[in-house]
Amino acid sequence: MQKAAPTSCVPQIGETAGAIWELLHNNGPSTVAKLVKQVGQPRDTVMQALGWLAREKKIGIVEKGRSRIVTLG
């Protein structure tokens, strides 16, 4: 019995990062919770994509009360 080869999540994270950037570009700043709903990907994938974008200095994330607001960098 052969085991399935592991598949990389990187393409899905990259596509999610693109979708997040597009949403922010078209609609302006957003909360993380709202982005998770709008993108339609698992929260973990959205958080990884946000990390990717933040590392590339494409977005900024600030805490406002109990929310995190994401803006284009």
N, C-alpha and C. Protein backbone atom coordinates (compact mmCIF):
# COMPACT_ATOMS: atom_id res chain seq x y z
N MET A 1 0.84 -1.18 0.00
CA MET A 1 0.00 0.00 0.00
C MET A 1 0.89 1.25 0.00
N GLN A 2 0.69 2.11 -0.97
CA GLN A 2 1.49 3.33 -1.08
C GLN A 2 0.83 4.46 -0.32
N LYS A 3 1.65 5.27 0.31
CA LYS A 3 1.15 6.47 0.98
C LYS A 3 1.13 7.60 -0.04
N ALA A 4 0.12 8.45 0.09
CA ALA A 4 0.03 9.60 -0.79
C ALA A 4 1.16 10.57 -0.47
N ALA A 5 1.74 11.15 -1.49
CA ALA A 5 2.80 12.13 -1.30
C ALA A 5 2.21 13.40 -0.69
N PRO A 6 2.89 14.00 0.26
CA PRO A 6 2.38 15.23 0.84
C PRO A 6 2.31 16.33 -0.21
N THR A 7 1.30 17.16 -0.11
CA THR A 7 1.16 18.27 -1.05
C THR A 7 1.48 19.58 -0.33
N SER A 8 2.05 20.50 -1.05
CA SER A 8 2.43 21.79 -0.49
C SER A 8 1.21 22.70 -0.35
N CYS A 9 1.16 23.41 0.75
CA CYS A 9 0.10 24.39 1.00
C CYS A 9 0.48 25.77 0.48
N VAL A 10 1.73 25.93 0.07
CA VAL A 10 2.23 27.25 -0.32
C VAL A 10 1.41 27.87 -1.45
N PRO A 11 1.03 27.13 -2.51
CA PRO A 11 0.23 27.77 -3.56
C PRO A 11 -1.12 28.30 -3.04
N GLN A 12 -1.77 27.54 -2.15
CA GLN A 12 -3.05 27.99 -1.60
C GLN A 12 -2.87 29.25 -0.73
N ILE A 13 -1.79 29.28 0.03
CA ILE A 13 -1.51 30.46 0.86
C ILE A 13 -1.23 31.66 -0.03
N GLY A 14 -0.48 31.46 -1.10
CA GLY A 14 -0.19 32.55 -2.03
C GLY A 14 -1.45 33.07 -2.72
N GLU A 15 -2.33 32.16 -3.12
CA GLU A 15 -3.59 32.57 -3.75
C GLU A 15 -4.46 33.33 -2.76
N THR A 16 -4.46 32.89 -1.52
CA THR A 16 -5.23 33.57 -0.48
C THR A 16 -4.65 34.96 -0.23
N ALA A 17 -3.34 35.08 -0.22
CA ALA A 17 -2.69 36.38 -0.05
C ALA A 17 -3.11 37.33 -1.17
N GLY A 18 -3.17 36.82 -2.38
CA GLY A 18 -3.62 37.64 -3.51
C GLY A 18 -5.06 38.09 -3.35
N ALA A 19 -5.91 37.19 -2.88
CA ALA A 19 -7.32 37.53 -2.68
C ALA A 19 -7.47 38.59 -1.58
N ILE A 20 -6.69 38.47 -0.52
CA ILE A 20 -6.72 39.46 0.56
C ILE A 20 -6.26 40.82 0.04
N TRP A 21 -5.15 40.84 -0.70
CA TRP A 21 -4.64 42.11 -1.22
C TRP A 21 -5.70 42.76 -2.11
N GLU A 22 -6.34 41.96 -2.94
CA GLU A 22 -7.37 42.47 -3.86
C GLU A 22 -8.55 43.06 -3.07
N LEU A 23 -8.99 42.37 -2.03
CA LEU A 23 -10.09 42.88 -1.19
C LEU A 23 -9.71 44.21 -0.54
N LEU A 24 -8.51 44.29 0.00
CA LEU A 24 -8.08 45.52 0.64
C LEU A 24 -7.92 46.65 -0.37
N HIS A 25 -7.43 46.33 -1.55
CA HIS A 25 -7.26 47.33 -2.61
C HIS A 25 -8.61 47.89 -3.05
N ASN A 26 -9.60 47.02 -3.16
CA ASN A 26 -10.92 47.44 -3.65
C ASN A 26 -11.81 48.04 -2.57
N ASN A 27 -11.66 47.58 -1.31
CA ASN A 27 -12.61 47.96 -0.27
C ASN A 27 -12.01 48.74 0.89
N GLY A 28 -10.70 48.90 0.92
CA GLY A 28 -10.07 49.61 2.03
C GLY A 28 -9.83 48.71 3.23
N PRO A 29 -9.43 49.30 4.36
CA PRO A 29 -9.08 48.54 5.55
C PRO A 29 -10.21 47.61 6.00
N SER A 30 -9.82 46.53 6.66
CA SER A 30 -10.79 45.54 7.10
C SER A 30 -10.28 44.86 8.36
N THR A 31 -11.19 44.29 9.13
CA THR A 31 -10.78 43.49 10.28
C THR A 31 -10.36 42.11 9.78
N VAL A 32 -9.57 41.42 10.59
CA VAL A 32 -9.17 40.06 10.25
C VAL A 32 -10.40 39.17 10.16
N ALA A 33 -11.32 39.31 11.10
CA ALA A 33 -12.52 38.48 11.11
C ALA A 33 -13.32 38.65 9.80
N LYS A 34 -13.45 39.87 9.35
CA LYS A 34 -14.19 40.13 8.12
C LYS A 34 -13.45 39.54 6.90
N LEU A 35 -12.13 39.64 6.89
CA LEU A 35 -11.36 39.06 5.79
C LEU A 35 -11.53 37.55 5.73
N VAL A 36 -11.54 36.90 6.89
CA VAL A 36 -11.73 35.44 6.92
C VAL A 36 -13.05 35.08 6.27
N LYS A 37 -14.11 35.82 6.59
CA LYS A 37 -15.43 35.55 6.01
C LYS A 37 -15.44 35.82 4.51
N GLN A 38 -14.83 36.94 4.10
CA GLN A 38 -14.88 37.33 2.69
C GLN A 38 -14.04 36.43 1.79
N VAL A 39 -12.90 35.98 2.28
CA VAL A 39 -12.00 35.17 1.47
C VAL A 39 -12.53 33.76 1.30
N GLY A 40 -13.20 33.24 2.33
CA GLY A 40 -13.78 31.92 2.23
C GLY A 40 -12.78 30.77 2.34
N GLN A 41 -11.65 31.03 2.96
CA GLN A 41 -10.64 30.00 3.22
C GLN A 41 -10.58 29.75 4.72
N PRO A 42 -10.01 28.62 5.14
CA PRO A 42 -9.88 28.38 6.58
C PRO A 42 -9.08 29.50 7.26
N ARG A 43 -9.43 29.78 8.50
CA ARG A 43 -8.77 30.86 9.24
C ARG A 43 -7.25 30.68 9.26
N ASP A 44 -6.79 29.45 9.43
CA ASP A 44 -5.34 29.21 9.45
C ASP A 44 -4.68 29.66 8.15
N THR A 45 -5.31 29.38 7.03
CA THR A 45 -4.76 29.78 5.72
C THR A 45 -4.74 31.30 5.60
N VAL A 46 -5.81 31.94 6.05
CA VAL A 46 -5.87 33.41 5.99
C VAL A 46 -4.78 34.01 6.87
N MET A 47 -4.58 33.45 8.05
CA MET A 47 -3.55 33.99 8.94
C MET A 47 -2.16 33.79 8.34
N GLN A 48 -1.92 32.66 7.70
CA GLN A 48 -0.62 32.44 7.05
C GLN A 48 -0.43 33.43 5.90
N ALA A 49 -1.49 33.68 5.15
CA ALA A 49 -1.42 34.63 4.04
C ALA A 49 -1.17 36.04 4.56
N LEU A 50 -1.80 36.40 5.67
CA LEU A 50 -1.55 37.72 6.26
C LEU A 50 -0.10 37.84 6.71
N GLY A 51 0.44 36.77 7.28
CA GLY A 51 1.84 36.78 7.67
C GLY A 51 2.76 36.97 6.48
N TRP A 52 2.43 36.30 5.40
CA TRP A 52 3.20 36.42 4.16
C TRP A 52 3.20 37.88 3.70
N LEU A 53 1.99 38.46 3.62
CA LEU A 53 1.87 39.85 3.15
C LEU A 53 2.57 40.83 4.09
N ALA A 54 2.47 40.58 5.39
CA ALA A 54 3.12 41.46 6.37
C ALA A 54 4.64 41.37 6.23
N ARG A 55 5.14 40.17 6.06
CA ARG A 55 6.60 39.96 5.92
C ARG A 55 7.12 40.68 4.68
N GLU A 56 6.30 40.71 3.62
CA GLU A 56 6.68 41.39 2.37
C GLU A 56 6.39 42.89 2.43
N LYS A 57 5.92 43.36 3.58
CA LYS A 57 5.58 44.77 3.80
C LYS A 57 4.50 45.27 2.83
N LYS A 58 3.57 44.38 2.49
CA LYS A 58 2.45 44.73 1.61
C LYS A 58 1.25 45.22 2.41
N ILE A 59 1.19 44.84 3.71
CA ILE A 59 0.08 45.24 4.56
C ILE A 59 0.60 45.71 5.91
N GLY A 60 -0.27 46.40 6.62
CA GLY A 60 -0.03 46.76 8.00
C GLY A 60 -1.16 46.18 8.83
N ILE A 61 -0.87 45.80 10.06
CA ILE A 61 -1.88 45.27 10.96
C ILE A 61 -1.75 46.01 12.29
N VAL A 62 -2.84 46.62 12.73
CA VAL A 62 -2.85 47.33 14.01
C VAL A 62 -3.99 46.79 14.87
N GLU A 63 -3.76 46.80 16.18
CA GLU A 63 -4.80 46.38 17.10
C GLU A 63 -5.62 47.60 17.50
N LYS A 64 -6.94 47.42 17.44
CA LYS A 64 -7.86 48.48 17.83
C LYS A 64 -8.89 47.83 18.74
N GLY A 65 -8.72 48.00 20.03
CA GLY A 65 -9.59 47.31 20.97
C GLY A 65 -9.34 45.81 20.90
N ARG A 66 -10.40 45.06 20.63
CA ARG A 66 -10.28 43.61 20.52
C ARG A 66 -10.12 43.16 19.08
N SER A 67 -10.06 44.08 18.15
CA SER A 67 -9.96 43.76 16.72
C SER A 67 -8.58 44.06 16.19
N ARG A 68 -8.25 43.41 15.09
CA ARG A 68 -7.04 43.73 14.34
C ARG A 68 -7.48 44.27 12.99
N ILE A 69 -7.00 45.46 12.66
CA ILE A 69 -7.35 46.12 11.41
C ILE A 69 -6.20 45.93 10.43
N VAL A 70 -6.53 45.47 9.23
CA VAL A 70 -5.53 45.23 8.19
C VAL A 70 -5.68 46.31 7.13
N THR A 71 -4.55 46.93 6.75
CA THR A 71 -4.53 47.95 5.71
C THR A 71 -3.43 47.61 4.71
N LEU A 72 -3.54 48.16 3.53
CA LEU A 72 -2.44 47.99 2.58
C LEU A 72 -1.25 48.78 3.10
N GLY A 73 -0.06 48.21 2.92
CA GLY A 73 1.17 48.75 3.47
C GLY A 73 1.61 50.02 2.86
